[in-house]
Amino acid sequence: MKATIWHNPKCGTSRKTLAILEEHGADVTVVEYLKNPPTAEKLAQLYADAGITPNAGLRIRGTDAKERELPDASAADVLAAMAAQPVLIERPLVETDKGARLCRPQDTVLEIL
């Protein structure tokens, strides 16, 4: 099975999710999203496939999202902010042929394997 993970190697949950993918024999494409951020359109597609809103995929901890009032902003504004500042993207996001998930906790990835 092919899988793509939007990964932050400094994040323990992201590393554990990647390990689960590898343990299950997935052919994994690793995208370090802080270096190669997804577009707003790609994020919108991932969140739609995961069944969550962009606001639910917004990283609050360690960011200025609250100060910028992003938790209450429109989906379009949140997506634009995430594309411009990928630190605002909660991680890890994983996409397979079975769908997409925001893998917090990491075992959530099992739903799409």
C-alpha atoms as a PDB file:
ATOM      1  CA  MET A   1       0.000   0.000   0.000  1.00  0.00           C
ATOM      2  CA  LYS A   2       1.192   3.496  -0.828  1.00  0.00           C
ATOM      3  CA  ALA A   3       1.064   6.172   1.857  1.00  0.00           C
ATOM      4  CA  THR A   4       2.113   9.794   2.090  1.00  0.00           C
ATOM      5  CA  ILE A   5       2.911  11.346   5.447  1.00  0.00           C
ATOM      6  CA  TRP A   6       3.246  15.072   6.030  1.00  0.00           C
ATOM      7  CA  HIS A   7       5.935  14.697   8.632  1.00  0.00           C
ATOM      8  CA  ASN A   8       7.926  16.677  11.167  1.00  0.00           C
ATOM      9  CA  PRO A   9      10.933  14.588  12.218  1.00  0.00           C
ATOM     10  CA  LYS A  10      11.156  16.549  15.504  1.00  0.00           C
ATOM     11  CA  CYS A  11       7.644  15.444  16.522  1.00  0.00           C
ATOM     12  CA  GLY A  12       7.344  12.209  18.512  1.00  0.00           C
ATOM     13  CA  THR A  13       3.811  11.487  17.294  1.00  0.00           C
ATOM     14  CA  SER A  14       4.915  11.990  13.711  1.00  0.00           C
ATOM     15  CA  ARG A  15       7.892   9.646  14.164  1.00  0.00           C
ATOM     16  CA  LYS A  16       5.677   6.997  15.783  1.00  0.00           C
ATOM     17  CA  THR A  17       3.147   7.266  12.959  1.00  0.00           C
ATOM     18  CA  LEU A  18       5.890   6.834  10.378  1.00  0.00           C
ATOM     19  CA  ALA A  19       7.131   3.755  12.273  1.00  0.00           C
ATOM     20  CA  ILE A  20       3.622   2.230  12.192  1.00  0.00           C
ATOM     21  CA  LEU A  21       3.430   2.804   8.436  1.00  0.00           C
ATOM     22  CA  GLU A  22       6.814   1.140   7.936  1.00  0.00           C
ATOM     23  CA  GLU A  23       5.926  -1.776  10.258  1.00  0.00           C
ATOM     24  CA  HIS A  24       2.841  -2.445   8.124  1.00  0.00           C
ATOM     25  CA  GLY A  25       4.911  -2.530   4.944  1.00  0.00           C
ATOM     26  CA  ALA A  26       3.555   0.672   3.430  1.00  0.00           C
ATOM     27  CA  ASP A  27       5.433   2.236   0.537  1.00  0.00           C
ATOM     28  CA  VAL A  28       5.816   5.596   2.270  1.00  0.00           C
ATOM     29  CA  THR A  29       6.487   8.969   0.719  1.00  0.00           C
ATOM     30  CA  VAL A  30       7.704  11.302   3.447  1.00  0.00           C
ATOM     31  CA  VAL A  31       7.043  15.005   2.960  1.00  0.00           C
ATOM     32  CA  GLU A  32       8.687  17.277   5.503  1.00  0.00           C
ATOM     33  CA  TYR A  33       5.888  19.811   5.375  1.00  0.00           C
ATOM     34  CA  LEU A  34       7.883  22.562   7.097  1.00  0.00           C
ATOM     35  CA  LYS A  35      10.328  22.468   4.167  1.00  0.00           C
ATOM     36  CA  ASN A  36       7.795  21.600   1.448  1.00  0.00           C
ATOM     37  CA  PRO A  37       4.394  22.850   2.588  1.00  0.00           C
ATOM     38  CA  PRO A  38       1.233  21.622   0.900  1.00  0.00           C
ATOM     39  CA  THR A  39      -0.916  24.129  -0.933  1.00  0.00           C
ATOM     40  CA  ALA A  40      -4.159  25.406   0.544  1.00  0.00           C
ATOM     41  CA  GLU A  41      -5.957  23.295  -2.068  1.00  0.00           C
ATOM     42  CA  LYS A  42      -4.111  20.120  -1.060  1.00  0.00           C
ATOM     43  CA  LEU A  43      -4.823  20.795   2.611  1.00  0.00           C
ATOM     44  CA  ALA A  44      -8.512  21.341   1.846  1.00  0.00           C
ATOM     45  CA  GLN A  45      -8.597  17.984   0.044  1.00  0.00           C
ATOM     46  CA  LEU A  46      -6.793  16.193   2.894  1.00  0.00           C
ATOM     47  CA  TYR A  47      -9.128  17.590   5.534  1.00  0.00           C
ATOM     48  CA  ALA A  48     -12.198  16.779   3.442  1.00  0.00           C
ATOM     49  CA  ASP A  49     -10.929  13.210   2.949  1.00  0.00           C
ATOM     50  CA  ALA A  50     -10.253  12.969   6.702  1.00  0.00           C
ATOM     51  CA  GLY A  51     -13.756  14.228   7.489  1.00  0.00           C
ATOM     52  CA  ILE A  52     -12.542  17.206   9.516  1.00  0.00           C
ATOM     53  CA  THR A  53     -12.543  20.952   9.053  1.00  0.00           C
ATOM     54  CA  PRO A  54      -9.381  22.939   8.419  1.00  0.00           C
ATOM     55  CA  ASN A  55      -9.911  24.552  11.825  1.00  0.00           C
ATOM     56  CA  ALA A  56      -9.710  21.067  13.402  1.00  0.00           C
ATOM     57  CA  GLY A  57      -6.346  20.622  11.681  1.00  0.00           C
ATOM     58  CA  LEU A  58      -4.965  23.894  13.026  1.00  0.00           C
ATOM     59  CA  ARG A  59      -1.997  23.606  15.363  1.00  0.00           C
ATOM     60  CA  ILE A  60      -2.519  25.827  18.380  1.00  0.00           C
ATOM     61  CA  ARG A  61       0.286  24.735  20.702  1.00  0.00           C
ATOM     62  CA  GLY A  62       3.563  26.500  19.998  1.00  0.00           C
ATOM     63  CA  THR A  63       2.049  28.865  17.426  1.00  0.00           C
ATOM     64  CA  ASP A  64       0.460  32.311  17.342  1.00  0.00           C
ATOM     65  CA  ALA A  65      -2.841  30.898  16.048  1.00  0.00           C
ATOM     66  CA  LYS A  66      -4.885  32.144  19.017  1.00  0.00           C
ATOM     67  CA  GLU A  67      -3.365  35.615  18.887  1.00  0.00           C
ATOM     68  CA  ARG A  68      -4.265  35.769  15.204  1.00  0.00           C
ATOM     69  CA  GLU A  69      -7.798  34.552  16.035  1.00  0.00           C
ATOM     70  CA  LEU A  70      -7.409  31.661  13.593  1.00  0.00           C
ATOM     71  CA  PRO A  71      -9.455  29.140  15.631  1.00  0.00           C
ATOM     72  CA  ASP A  72     -12.531  31.261  14.858  1.00  0.00           C
ATOM     73  CA  ALA A  73     -11.528  32.252  11.316  1.00  0.00           C
ATOM     74  CA  SER A  74     -13.111  30.966   8.128  1.00  0.00           C
ATOM     75  CA  ALA A  75     -11.832  27.735   6.605  1.00  0.00           C
ATOM     76  CA  ALA A  76     -10.385  29.693   3.670  1.00  0.00           C
ATOM     77  CA  ASP A  77      -8.461  32.003   6.007  1.00  0.00           C
ATOM     78  CA  VAL A  78      -7.148  29.057   8.030  1.00  0.00           C
ATOM     79  CA  LEU A  79      -6.019  27.228   4.881  1.00  0.00           C
ATOM     80  CA  ALA A  80      -4.295  30.350   3.552  1.00  0.00           C
ATOM     81  CA  ALA A  81      -2.503  30.845   6.876  1.00  0.00           C
ATOM     82  CA  MET A  82      -1.398  27.206   6.948  1.00  0.00           C
ATOM     83  CA  ALA A  83      -0.066  27.355   3.401  1.00  0.00           C
ATOM     84  CA  ALA A  84       1.853  30.537   4.205  1.00  0.00           C
ATOM     85  CA  GLN A  85       3.104  29.319   7.603  1.00  0.00           C
ATOM     86  CA  PRO A  86       3.188  25.508   7.690  1.00  0.00           C
ATOM     87  CA  VAL A  87       4.006  25.523  11.430  1.00  0.00           C
ATOM     88  CA  LEU A  88       0.227  26.081  11.790  1.00  0.00           C
ATOM     89  CA  ILE A  89      -0.498  22.599  10.367  1.00  0.00           C
ATOM     90  CA  GLU A  90      -1.166  19.982  13.036  1.00  0.00           C
ATOM     91  CA  ARG A  91       0.781  16.829  12.295  1.00  0.00           C
ATOM     92  CA  PRO A  92       1.071  14.212  11.105  1.00  0.00           C
ATOM     93  CA  LEU A  93      -1.319  14.020   8.196  1.00  0.00           C
ATOM     94  CA  VAL A  94      -1.357  10.691   6.360  1.00  0.00           C
ATOM     95  CA  GLU A  95      -3.009   9.835   3.056  1.00  0.00           C
ATOM     96  CA  THR A  96      -3.528   6.368   1.558  1.00  0.00           C
ATOM     97  CA  ASP A  97      -5.903   4.895  -1.020  1.00  0.00           C
ATOM     98  CA  LYS A  98      -8.345   4.374   1.869  1.00  0.00           C
ATOM     99  CA  GLY A  99      -8.468   8.038   2.852  1.00  0.00           C
ATOM    100  CA  ALA A 100      -6.664  10.579   4.974  1.00  0.00           C
ATOM    101  CA  ARG A 101      -6.276  11.090   8.703  1.00  0.00           C
ATOM    102  CA  LEU A 102      -4.804  13.544  11.136  1.00  0.00           C
ATOM    103  CA  CYS A 103      -2.959  10.916  13.150  1.00  0.00           C
ATOM    104  CA  ARG A 104      -3.264  12.166  16.700  1.00  0.00           C
ATOM    105  CA  PRO A 105      -2.965   9.771  18.394  1.00  0.00           C
ATOM    106  CA  GLN A 106      -0.646   7.856  16.084  1.00  0.00           C
ATOM    107  CA  ASP A 107      -2.784   4.692  16.115  1.00  0.00           C
ATOM    108  CA  THR A 108      -5.395   6.608  14.084  1.00  0.00           C
ATOM    109  CA  VAL A 109      -3.302   5.719  11.042  1.00  0.00           C
ATOM    110  CA  LEU A 110      -4.478   2.096  11.359  1.00  0.00           C
ATOM    111  CA  GLU A 111      -7.927   3.211  10.146  1.00  0.00           C
ATOM    112  CA  ILE A 112      -6.549   3.815   6.653  1.00  0.00           C
ATOM    113  CA  LEU A 113      -4.137   0.899   6.304  1.00  0.00           C
END
